[in-house]
Every structure is written in C-alpha cells, then in structure tokens.
Amino acid sequence: MINKRLLVKNLLAHNDENSFYDKKRFISIGEKEGKAKFLKHVCALANSNPLNNSFIVIGVEDADNEIVGVDFFDDSKIQNLVNAYLDNPPIISYENIPFPHLPEGKVVGLVTIRSNGKVCALRKNIWKYYGGSVFFREGSISLPKAYGIELKDINSEKVATIEQHARNNIELTLDAVINFMNTRHPDLTSDYKVFKEQFVVCWAGNKKKIKNKTYYSRVDIELINEQVKLFYSALDEITINYDDDSFKTLEYVQLGLGSQQRYYPLEEMVITFSENGKYTINSKLVF
C-alpha cells in the first residue's frame, strides 16, 4: 500500500517538474482560465505517460517546495470536469492528504492521472484553447502538438521507483534499525529517532557522564535507508542533541594540563529535516 504522504514527499524531494509530475500553489477551476489550464496539464501528463501514473501536487510553493496546503476539495468536481471536456479522458483521482504541520482545515491535494492508452485531446473549446487540441509535456511545460503525435513510454521505471519508495515497508526499516543496534553495535549504547515520519537516525557509541553532561566516543551515526553514515573515532568526544526538526552533534577537544583539563567545543554538525522530504547536513567550526 502506497503512503500518499510519503509519495508527495518523494516527488518533492527528488524531482523538479517534469514529464510525469507537476506542482501548483493552488488550482482555480471555478473560472474558465483556471479550468482550461488544469485540463491542459491533465491532457499533457496523460499523453506523456501512457503506461504509468502522473501526478500534480497542489499546495506547494514553486520556488522552494514549501508545503503550505490548500482547502479541502471535492474529488467529484475534478472527475466531472475531465469527463466533460476531454476525449479519451484518463482515469483521474484527487486526494486530500493531511500533513501534521499544516493549520487545521489545510491539506495537500494530490491528483493522480492514469492514461487509458489512447491520445487524450480537448473535446471542445475552452478559454483560448480549441477543441481537438492535443498537449504533451516538454520538460516542465505543457505544450500543444499538431503533428508527429505518438504515445511513448519513457517514465515507467522512474515512477515505479518513486512509488516503491513511498510504500509502507515497516519490515525493512525495523530490520535495519535492529541490525544497527543489536548486530553491528551490541557492545555500545545505542538509540534512534524518527524525523518527519520518513527519516530514521540511529546512533551508537561509548557513553560517559562528566559534570552532569553526557559525552560519546567511538560514535557511529546512520540515516537508515538514506545511505548516509557518519563516524567519530574512539579519541573524539561529542555530545548529541535533537528536537523534532534536527539532529545535532557537537565535537569537543580536551585541552589543559593535569587537573586543569577542560572540554572546548570544536565543530558542530546539524542535520535538518523538512516536511517536503528533504534534509540538509551542515558543519561549522565553533572553536
């Protein structure tokens, strides 16, 4: 079963607008221009992907992929619009996807488009588009095409990979976490934290307390399923802190003589997780 929230995050994280995916801040199908533009995109996505799903994500800022949400929308309006204006209309669904960080009443709209295998075209005139017009995607743009019309499958493998990553595979995630904690590091203190429902960070290390502060050495940190690993040697001393949005390590260096030795912060590493499925890793020298 596909987790639609993870599907949205994967689309935003790994793809710019392309021949199988589009994003909108909002749609306005209460007026002719809004209807026409929406139908153009649906037609183009269906024709550009005859054998796989295409998607339109609604409620996302175009510049930075920030998920801002839209009002709840009735799926039947989309179905009626497509059936009324398109020849060989694709199978289409509109789903209201809740995100925990959005205000009450706001959701992300996910339009899923599945071609019926035939060329989709406008049935009648609407706004500045003429009946009989056929549209295809060229990169991130939906353009009319009057000759050389042929349905080609170019995205099935890409879409299948994205949908596979969006499937709820609890077993694989649990196996990776248990392997990290029990098999790879049975002799170390280990823990994990889930960020944004998508990222699992595991860490293990030798733990010690000095003046009510916890330090780790010989630290192994891994973002499960992201193939990102960070290591600190047995000679390094670090602290670990985290909240709902970030995971931080602060590396210390021990300086001084005899009983006057003290720990001084050396370098900070911060992994920041976003709702749109992206994360960043930044390091800075703080000594």
Protein backbone atom coordinates (compact mmCIF):
# COMPACT_ATOMS: atom_id res chain seq x y z
CA MET A 1 0.00 0.00 0.00
CA ILE A 2 1.38 3.40 -1.00
CA ASN A 3 1.66 6.01 1.74
CA LYS A 4 0.40 9.09 -0.11
CA ARG A 5 2.13 11.48 2.27
CA LEU A 6 5.46 9.78 1.59
CA LEU A 7 4.67 9.82 -2.13
CA VAL A 8 4.22 13.60 -2.01
CA LYS A 9 7.46 14.00 -0.07
CA ASN A 10 9.36 11.78 -2.51
CA LEU A 11 8.04 13.69 -5.50
CA LEU A 12 9.07 16.99 -3.96
CA ALA A 13 12.43 15.74 -2.73
CA HIS A 14 13.75 14.04 -5.83
CA ASN A 15 12.15 15.71 -8.81
CA ASP A 16 11.76 19.09 -10.43
CA GLU A 17 8.63 19.49 -12.52
CA ASN A 18 8.93 17.10 -15.45
CA SER A 19 7.00 14.95 -17.90
CA PHE A 20 5.24 12.92 -15.17
CA TYR A 21 4.97 15.43 -12.33
CA ASP A 22 3.71 18.98 -11.86
CA LYS A 23 3.15 21.13 -8.78
CA LYS A 24 0.85 24.06 -8.13
CA ARG A 25 0.32 26.58 -5.35
CA PHE A 26 -3.41 26.17 -5.98
CA ILE A 27 -5.87 25.43 -8.78
CA SER A 28 -8.89 27.54 -9.65
CA ILE A 29 -11.47 25.55 -11.60
CA GLY A 30 -14.28 27.94 -10.76
CA GLU A 31 -13.40 30.09 -13.79
CA LYS A 32 -12.69 29.34 -17.46
CA GLU A 33 -8.99 30.20 -17.39
CA GLY A 34 -8.35 28.01 -14.36
CA LYS A 35 -10.33 25.14 -15.85
CA ALA A 36 -8.53 25.41 -19.18
CA LYS A 37 -5.05 25.44 -17.66
CA PHE A 38 -5.85 22.48 -15.42
CA LEU A 39 -7.27 20.46 -18.35
CA LYS A 40 -4.20 21.30 -20.43
CA HIS A 41 -1.89 19.86 -17.77
CA VAL A 42 -4.03 16.75 -17.27
CA CYS A 43 -4.12 16.13 -21.02
CA ALA A 44 -0.36 16.65 -21.38
CA LEU A 45 0.55 14.40 -18.46
CA ALA A 46 -1.77 11.63 -19.68
CA ASN A 47 -0.31 11.72 -23.21
CA SER A 48 3.28 11.85 -21.99
CA ASN A 49 2.81 8.82 -19.72
CA PRO A 50 0.64 6.21 -21.45
CA LEU A 51 1.74 3.30 -19.21
CA ASN A 52 2.28 4.83 -15.77
CA ASN A 53 0.80 7.29 -13.29
CA SER A 54 1.37 11.02 -13.48
CA PHE A 55 0.92 13.43 -10.59
CA ILE A 56 0.00 17.01 -9.79
CA VAL A 57 0.79 18.14 -6.24
CA ILE A 58 -1.29 21.13 -5.11
CA GLY A 59 -0.50 23.35 -2.14
CA VAL A 60 3.27 23.75 -2.63
CA GLU A 61 5.30 26.92 -3.15
CA ASP A 62 7.01 26.77 -6.54
CA ALA A 63 10.25 28.48 -5.50
CA ASP A 64 11.30 26.38 -2.50
CA ASN A 65 8.88 23.42 -2.36
CA GLU A 66 7.47 24.59 0.97
CA ILE A 67 4.27 22.71 1.79
CA VAL A 68 1.66 25.39 2.60
CA GLY A 69 -1.52 23.46 1.89
CA VAL A 70 -4.90 24.28 0.35
CA ASP A 71 -8.52 23.94 1.43
CA PHE A 72 -10.24 20.55 1.34
CA PHE A 73 -11.52 19.87 -2.19
CA ASP A 74 -14.29 17.63 -3.57
CA ASP A 75 -12.97 14.92 -5.88
CA SER A 76 -16.22 14.74 -7.90
CA LYS A 77 -15.68 18.22 -9.36
CA ILE A 78 -12.42 17.08 -10.94
CA GLN A 79 -14.00 13.91 -12.34
CA ASN A 80 -16.92 15.82 -13.89
CA LEU A 81 -14.64 18.47 -15.42
CA VAL A 82 -12.31 15.95 -17.07
CA ASN A 83 -15.13 13.81 -18.43
CA ALA A 84 -16.95 16.84 -19.84
CA TYR A 85 -14.02 18.44 -21.68
CA LEU A 86 -11.63 15.64 -22.72
CA ASP A 87 -11.83 12.94 -25.38
CA ASN A 88 -10.28 9.67 -24.18
CA PRO A 89 -10.12 11.10 -20.65
CA PRO A 90 -7.61 9.48 -18.28
CA ILE A 91 -8.58 7.85 -15.02
CA ILE A 92 -8.13 10.63 -12.51
CA SER A 93 -8.40 10.95 -8.74
CA TYR A 94 -7.98 13.83 -6.33
CA GLU A 95 -6.98 13.06 -2.76
CA ASN A 96 -6.78 15.40 0.21
CA ILE A 97 -3.56 14.47 2.04
CA PRO A 98 -3.22 15.75 5.63
CA PHE A 99 0.18 16.90 6.91
CA PRO A 100 0.66 17.30 10.69
CA HIS A 101 2.33 20.72 10.48
CA LEU A 102 -0.44 22.35 8.42
CA PRO A 103 -3.13 24.52 10.05
CA GLU A 104 -6.49 22.91 10.75
CA GLY A 105 -8.52 22.56 7.56
CA LYS A 106 -5.49 22.70 5.25
CA VAL A 107 -4.32 19.68 3.23
CA VAL A 108 -2.14 18.90 0.23
CA GLY A 109 -4.02 17.97 -2.94
CA LEU A 110 -2.67 15.01 -4.89
CA VAL A 111 -4.02 14.47 -8.41
CA THR A 112 -3.18 11.05 -9.83
CA ILE A 113 -3.61 10.66 -13.60
CA ARG A 114 -3.64 7.32 -15.42
CA SER A 115 -3.91 7.26 -19.23
CA ASN A 116 -6.34 4.87 -20.90
CA GLY A 117 -3.72 4.20 -23.57
CA LYS A 118 -5.28 6.45 -26.20
CA VAL A 119 -4.44 10.01 -27.25
CA CYS A 120 -6.21 12.47 -24.95
CA ALA A 121 -7.49 15.70 -26.53
CA LEU A 122 -9.78 18.63 -25.76
CA ARG A 123 -13.34 17.82 -26.80
CA LYS A 124 -14.48 21.44 -27.19
CA ASN A 125 -13.25 25.00 -27.00
CA ILE A 126 -12.39 26.44 -23.59
CA TRP A 127 -10.75 29.80 -22.93
CA LYS A 128 -8.03 30.22 -25.60
CA TYR A 129 -7.66 26.51 -26.38
CA TYR A 130 -9.51 24.97 -29.32
CA GLY A 131 -11.40 21.72 -29.39
CA GLY A 132 -9.25 18.92 -30.78
CA SER A 133 -6.03 20.31 -29.26
CA VAL A 134 -3.55 17.69 -28.07
CA PHE A 135 -0.95 18.52 -25.42
CA PHE A 136 2.31 16.85 -24.37
CA ARG A 137 4.86 17.64 -21.69
CA GLU A 138 8.23 19.02 -22.71
CA GLY A 139 10.23 19.19 -19.51
CA SER A 140 8.11 21.17 -17.06
CA ILE A 141 5.87 22.79 -19.70
CA SER A 142 2.63 21.52 -21.27
CA LEU A 143 2.64 22.38 -24.99
CA PRO A 144 0.23 21.75 -27.88
CA LYS A 145 1.30 19.32 -30.58
CA ALA A 146 -0.24 19.19 -34.08
CA TYR A 147 1.90 16.56 -35.85
CA GLY A 148 4.02 13.53 -35.00
CA ILE A 149 1.57 12.57 -32.27
CA GLU A 150 2.70 9.28 -30.77
CA LEU A 151 2.36 7.91 -27.27
CA LYS A 152 5.74 6.83 -25.91
CA ASP A 153 6.59 5.23 -22.60
CA ILE A 154 9.66 6.94 -21.12
CA ASN A 155 8.92 7.20 -17.40
CA SER A 156 7.59 3.85 -16.17
CA GLU A 157 10.81 2.86 -14.43
CA LYS A 158 11.22 6.24 -12.72
CA VAL A 159 7.61 6.34 -11.49
CA ALA A 160 7.77 2.72 -10.29
CA THR A 161 10.87 3.56 -8.23
CA ILE A 162 9.22 6.61 -6.64
CA GLU A 163 6.07 4.65 -5.80
CA GLN A 164 8.13 1.80 -4.36
CA HIS A 165 9.95 4.22 -2.05
CA ALA A 166 6.58 5.52 -0.88
CA ARG A 167 5.30 2.12 0.18
CA ASN A 168 4.97 1.43 3.86
CA ASN A 169 7.71 -1.13 4.36
CA ILE A 170 7.91 -1.31 8.11
CA GLU A 171 9.72 -4.65 7.99
CA LEU A 172 12.78 -3.36 6.13
CA THR A 173 13.05 -0.29 8.35
CA LEU A 174 12.77 -2.32 11.55
CA ASP A 175 15.28 -4.88 10.26
CA ALA A 176 17.80 -2.10 9.55
CA VAL A 177 17.32 -0.49 12.97
CA ILE A 178 17.59 -3.81 14.83
CA ASN A 179 20.66 -4.78 12.82
CA PHE A 180 22.32 -1.46 13.67
CA MET A 181 21.60 -1.69 17.39
CA ASN A 182 21.90 -5.42 18.10
CA THR A 183 24.25 -6.83 15.47
CA ARG A 184 26.64 -4.07 14.46
CA HIS A 185 26.95 -2.39 17.87
CA PRO A 186 25.89 -4.80 20.63
CA ASP A 187 28.64 -3.51 22.94
CA LEU A 188 27.76 0.20 22.61
CA THR A 189 24.99 2.40 23.95
CA SER A 190 22.59 2.89 21.04
CA ASP A 191 19.38 4.76 20.29
CA TYR A 192 17.25 6.03 17.40
CA LYS A 193 14.88 8.87 16.50
CA VAL A 194 12.26 9.23 13.74
CA PHE A 195 12.08 12.60 11.96
CA LYS A 196 9.16 13.84 9.81
CA GLU A 197 7.70 10.31 9.54
CA GLN A 198 10.31 9.49 6.91
CA PHE A 199 13.85 9.61 8.28
CA VAL A 200 15.22 7.27 10.94
CA VAL A 201 18.52 8.25 12.56
CA CYS A 202 20.37 5.61 14.58
CA TRP A 203 23.45 6.26 16.68
CA ALA A 204 25.73 4.22 18.92
CA GLY A 205 28.79 4.99 20.98
CA ASN A 206 30.65 4.73 24.29
CA LYS A 207 28.74 6.88 26.75
CA LYS A 208 30.10 8.67 29.78
CA LYS A 209 28.97 11.47 32.08
CA ILE A 210 31.19 14.30 33.25
CA LYS A 211 29.71 17.03 35.48
CA ASN A 212 26.12 16.14 34.51
CA LYS A 213 26.94 16.31 30.80
CA THR A 214 26.83 13.23 28.57
CA TYR A 215 29.65 12.63 26.10
CA TYR A 216 30.06 9.93 23.47
CA SER A 217 33.14 8.47 21.81
CA ARG A 218 33.59 5.85 19.07
CA VAL A 219 30.30 7.10 17.63
CA ASP A 220 28.54 5.63 14.58
CA ILE A 221 25.59 7.59 13.14
CA GLU A 222 23.43 6.37 10.25
CA LEU A 223 20.39 7.69 8.42
CA ILE A 224 18.58 4.43 7.80
CA ASN A 225 17.61 3.93 4.10
CA GLU A 226 19.41 7.16 3.13
CA GLN A 227 22.88 5.60 2.81
CA VAL A 228 24.39 8.38 4.91
CA LYS A 229 26.85 7.38 7.61
CA LEU A 230 28.95 9.48 9.98
CA PHE A 231 31.77 8.25 12.19
CA TYR A 232 33.75 9.56 15.14
CA SER A 233 36.79 7.71 16.47
CA ALA A 234 37.44 6.50 19.99
CA LEU A 235 39.58 9.63 20.51
CA ASP A 236 36.71 12.01 19.69
CA GLU A 237 34.33 13.31 22.34
CA ILE A 238 30.91 14.55 21.20
CA THR A 239 27.50 15.48 22.58
CA ILE A 240 24.23 14.58 20.84
CA ASN A 241 21.06 16.66 20.91
CA TYR A 242 17.91 16.56 18.82
CA ASP A 243 14.40 18.01 18.50
CA ASP A 244 11.53 17.39 16.09
CA ASP A 245 13.34 19.07 13.18
CA SER A 246 17.06 18.45 13.62
CA PHE A 247 19.80 16.18 14.90
CA LYS A 248 22.97 17.83 16.24
CA THR A 249 26.40 16.66 17.27
CA LEU A 250 28.99 18.91 18.88
CA GLU A 251 32.57 17.69 18.87
CA TYR A 252 34.84 18.68 21.76
CA VAL A 253 38.58 18.84 22.21
CA GLN A 254 40.17 18.32 25.63
CA LEU A 255 42.82 20.91 26.48
CA GLY A 256 44.80 21.73 29.60
CA LEU A 257 47.30 20.15 31.97
CA GLY A 258 46.66 17.69 34.75
CA SER A 259 43.56 18.51 36.79
CA GLN A 260 43.04 21.73 34.79
CA GLN A 261 41.89 19.93 31.67
CA ARG A 262 38.64 21.16 30.14
CA TYR A 263 36.48 20.33 27.13
CA TYR A 264 36.19 23.04 24.45
CA PRO A 265 33.65 22.88 21.58
CA LEU A 266 35.37 22.30 18.24
CA GLU A 267 32.88 21.54 15.44
CA GLU A 268 29.09 21.36 15.19
CA MET A 269 27.23 19.15 12.73
CA VAL A 270 23.48 19.67 12.17
CA ILE A 271 21.12 17.50 10.11
CA THR A 272 17.94 19.47 9.42
CA PHE A 273 14.81 17.69 8.18
CA SER A 274 12.00 19.37 6.21
CA GLU A 275 8.36 18.45 5.71
CA ASN A 276 8.85 18.26 1.95
CA GLY A 277 11.07 15.18 2.26
CA LYS A 278 14.42 16.91 2.07
CA TYR A 279 17.26 17.16 4.56
CA THR A 280 20.49 19.11 4.78
CA ILE A 281 23.74 18.37 6.60
CA ASN A 282 25.80 21.36 7.66
CA SER A 283 29.04 21.57 9.64
CA LYS A 284 30.72 24.60 11.13
CA LEU A 285 33.83 25.22 13.19
CA VAL A 286 32.92 26.76 16.55
CA PHE A 287 36.28 26.66 18.32
